[in-house]
Amino acid sequence: MPDDIALLRESIRIGEAARTEGNHPFGAVLADADGNILMTMGNAYSTDKGPGHAETNLARKAAVTYDEAFLKTCTLYSAFEPCSMCAGTIYWAGIGRVVFGVTEARLLELTGDNPENPTMALSCRDVLAAGQRQVMVEGPFPDLEDEIIRSHDGFW
């Protein structure tokens, strides 16, 4: 069984690395059913602008790397709740589970009206529930909120 907290912390670390490379401080991790990390992806704002979200880029890469039957058993980890674009990409990639630390609503409180992150008030649960196949969603994890928020200190 995967260690969700450890894998969420890895997504924080990936986000911090993205930040040092001039991108937004977001990261994503894909793990198999046993919690083995298959791939990671940081935000790519510096090259891809708004659509360069870590979760979208990771889900797209996963979809061409693994078959759908396998991805159905995998989990995507993200410190923040995937936005509607990312949730849709996760769905279309065939990833079976999402675990996030902090809600999209809390992210909006952090970023405010920053034009580089026009956060949408739409839960990934709502986006994923509209599909024809089930994607399990777990989060938020309030015990990690302070740690996750600290990784964004001074950015927005």
Protein backbone atom coordinates (compact mmCIF):
# COMPACT_ATOMS: atom_id res chain seq x y z
CA MET A 1 0.00 0.00 0.00
CA PRO A 2 1.37 3.43 -0.90
CA ASP A 3 2.42 5.97 1.71
CA ASP A 4 0.20 8.86 0.60
CA ILE A 5 1.84 11.39 2.93
CA ALA A 6 5.36 10.58 1.73
CA LEU A 7 4.26 10.78 -1.91
CA LEU A 8 2.50 14.10 -1.31
CA ARG A 9 5.73 15.38 0.25
CA GLU A 10 7.58 14.26 -2.87
CA SER A 11 5.16 16.36 -4.95
CA ILE A 12 6.04 19.35 -2.72
CA ARG A 13 9.75 18.70 -3.35
CA ILE A 14 9.17 18.50 -7.12
CA GLY A 15 7.25 21.79 -6.95
CA GLU A 16 10.09 23.46 -5.06
CA ALA A 17 12.53 22.26 -7.74
CA ALA A 18 10.24 23.70 -10.45
CA ARG A 19 10.28 27.00 -8.60
CA THR A 20 14.09 27.12 -8.55
CA GLU A 21 13.99 26.59 -12.34
CA GLY A 22 11.80 29.69 -12.79
CA ASN A 23 8.42 27.97 -12.88
CA HIS A 24 5.42 27.97 -10.60
CA PRO A 25 5.92 25.90 -7.43
CA PHE A 26 3.81 22.87 -8.36
CA GLY A 27 4.81 19.25 -8.81
CA ALA A 28 3.14 15.94 -9.53
CA VAL A 29 4.07 12.32 -8.88
CA LEU A 30 2.71 9.17 -10.50
CA ALA A 31 2.97 6.01 -8.41
CA ASP A 32 1.92 2.43 -8.96
CA ALA A 33 -0.39 0.50 -6.62
CA ASP A 34 2.54 -0.35 -4.33
CA GLY A 35 3.67 3.29 -4.06
CA ASN A 36 6.67 2.99 -6.38
CA ILE A 37 7.33 6.28 -8.13
CA LEU A 38 6.96 5.85 -11.90
CA MET A 39 7.48 9.44 -12.98
CA THR A 40 7.46 13.01 -11.69
CA MET A 41 6.83 16.33 -13.36
CA GLY A 42 7.23 19.92 -12.29
CA ASN A 43 5.31 22.92 -13.54
CA ALA A 44 6.55 24.22 -16.90
CA TYR A 45 5.22 27.79 -16.88
CA SER A 46 8.46 29.25 -18.26
CA THR A 47 8.06 27.30 -21.52
CA ASP A 48 4.38 26.32 -21.69
CA LYS A 49 2.76 29.31 -19.90
CA GLY A 50 -0.72 28.70 -18.44
CA PRO A 51 -1.27 25.14 -19.71
CA GLY A 52 2.11 23.98 -18.35
CA HIS A 53 0.64 22.48 -15.19
CA ALA A 54 2.61 19.62 -13.64
CA GLU A 55 -0.41 17.31 -13.42
CA THR A 56 -1.41 17.85 -17.06
CA ASN A 57 2.13 17.30 -18.32
CA LEU A 58 2.54 14.18 -16.19
CA ALA A 59 -0.83 12.69 -17.19
CA ARG A 60 -0.09 13.30 -20.87
CA LYS A 61 3.32 11.61 -20.58
CA ALA A 62 1.85 8.71 -18.58
CA ALA A 63 -0.81 8.12 -21.22
CA VAL A 64 1.81 7.52 -23.91
CA THR A 65 4.12 5.54 -21.62
CA TYR A 66 1.72 3.07 -19.97
CA ASP A 67 -1.39 1.22 -21.07
CA GLU A 68 -4.78 2.18 -19.69
CA ALA A 69 -5.27 -1.04 -17.71
CA PHE A 70 -2.09 -0.29 -15.76
CA LEU A 71 -2.84 3.42 -15.31
CA LYS A 72 -6.20 2.53 -13.80
CA THR A 73 -4.23 1.06 -10.85
CA CYS A 74 -1.98 4.13 -10.48
CA THR A 75 -2.24 7.28 -8.37
CA LEU A 76 -1.34 10.85 -9.26
CA TYR A 77 -0.16 12.89 -6.25
CA SER A 78 -0.24 16.67 -6.14
CA ALA A 79 0.24 19.04 -3.22
CA PHE A 80 -2.68 21.10 -4.54
CA GLU A 81 -6.00 19.88 -5.88
CA PRO A 82 -5.80 19.47 -9.65
CA CYS A 83 -7.57 22.23 -11.55
CA SER A 84 -10.32 21.46 -14.04
CA MET A 85 -7.83 21.23 -16.93
CA CYS A 86 -5.61 18.83 -15.00
CA ALA A 87 -8.54 16.76 -13.74
CA GLY A 88 -9.79 16.37 -17.30
CA THR A 89 -6.36 15.29 -18.51
CA ILE A 90 -6.03 12.82 -15.64
CA TYR A 91 -9.41 11.38 -16.61
CA TRP A 92 -8.54 11.07 -20.30
CA ALA A 93 -5.15 9.54 -19.48
CA GLY A 94 -6.93 6.78 -17.55
CA ILE A 95 -5.28 7.32 -14.16
CA GLY A 96 -7.44 5.65 -11.50
CA ARG A 97 -6.76 7.67 -8.36
CA VAL A 98 -5.85 11.23 -7.35
CA VAL A 99 -4.49 12.30 -3.97
CA PHE A 100 -4.03 15.98 -3.15
CA GLY A 101 -3.00 17.95 -0.08
CA VAL A 102 -4.72 21.36 -0.27
CA THR A 103 -7.93 22.42 -2.03
CA GLU A 104 -8.26 24.59 -5.11
CA ALA A 105 -10.24 27.05 -2.95
CA ARG A 106 -7.26 27.44 -0.60
CA LEU A 107 -4.97 27.96 -3.59
CA LEU A 108 -7.21 30.83 -4.71
CA GLU A 109 -6.69 32.44 -1.29
CA LEU A 110 -2.92 32.24 -1.88
CA THR A 111 -2.78 33.42 -5.48
CA GLY A 112 -5.61 35.96 -5.38
CA ASP A 113 -6.02 37.65 -8.74
CA ASN A 114 -2.51 36.86 -9.96
CA PRO A 115 -2.83 36.76 -13.77
CA GLU A 116 -0.41 33.82 -13.98
CA ASN A 117 -2.79 31.61 -11.98
CA PRO A 118 -6.45 32.50 -12.58
CA THR A 119 -7.70 29.76 -10.28
CA MET A 120 -11.12 28.33 -11.12
CA ALA A 121 -13.73 27.60 -8.45
CA LEU A 122 -14.34 24.04 -9.63
CA SER A 123 -13.47 20.97 -7.59
CA CYS A 124 -11.64 18.12 -9.29
CA ARG A 125 -14.25 15.83 -7.73
CA ASP A 126 -16.96 17.61 -9.74
CA VAL A 127 -14.97 17.37 -12.97
CA LEU A 128 -14.13 13.70 -12.47
CA ALA A 129 -17.67 12.78 -11.35
CA ALA A 130 -18.95 13.99 -14.72
CA GLY A 131 -17.05 11.23 -16.53
CA GLN A 132 -18.15 7.74 -17.50
CA ARG A 133 -15.55 5.95 -15.40
CA GLN A 134 -14.69 6.33 -11.75
CA VAL A 135 -11.56 8.12 -10.59
CA MET A 136 -11.02 7.90 -6.84
CA VAL A 137 -10.12 11.20 -5.16
CA GLU A 138 -8.61 11.62 -1.71
CA GLY A 139 -7.82 14.93 -0.07
CA PRO A 140 -7.36 17.38 1.37
CA PHE A 141 -4.84 16.46 4.08
CA PRO A 142 -5.11 19.26 6.68
CA ASP A 143 -2.03 18.03 8.57
CA LEU A 144 0.11 18.92 5.53
CA GLU A 145 -1.45 22.31 4.74
CA ASP A 146 1.14 24.46 6.54
CA GLU A 147 4.01 22.56 4.93
CA ILE A 148 2.47 22.88 1.47
CA ILE A 149 1.65 26.57 1.89
CA ARG A 150 5.24 27.27 3.04
CA SER A 151 6.49 25.99 -0.33
CA HIS A 152 4.66 28.96 -1.92
CA ASP A 153 5.89 31.62 0.55
CA GLY A 154 6.81 34.80 -1.26
CA PHE A 155 5.94 33.46 -4.70
CA TRP A 156 2.53 34.98 -5.40
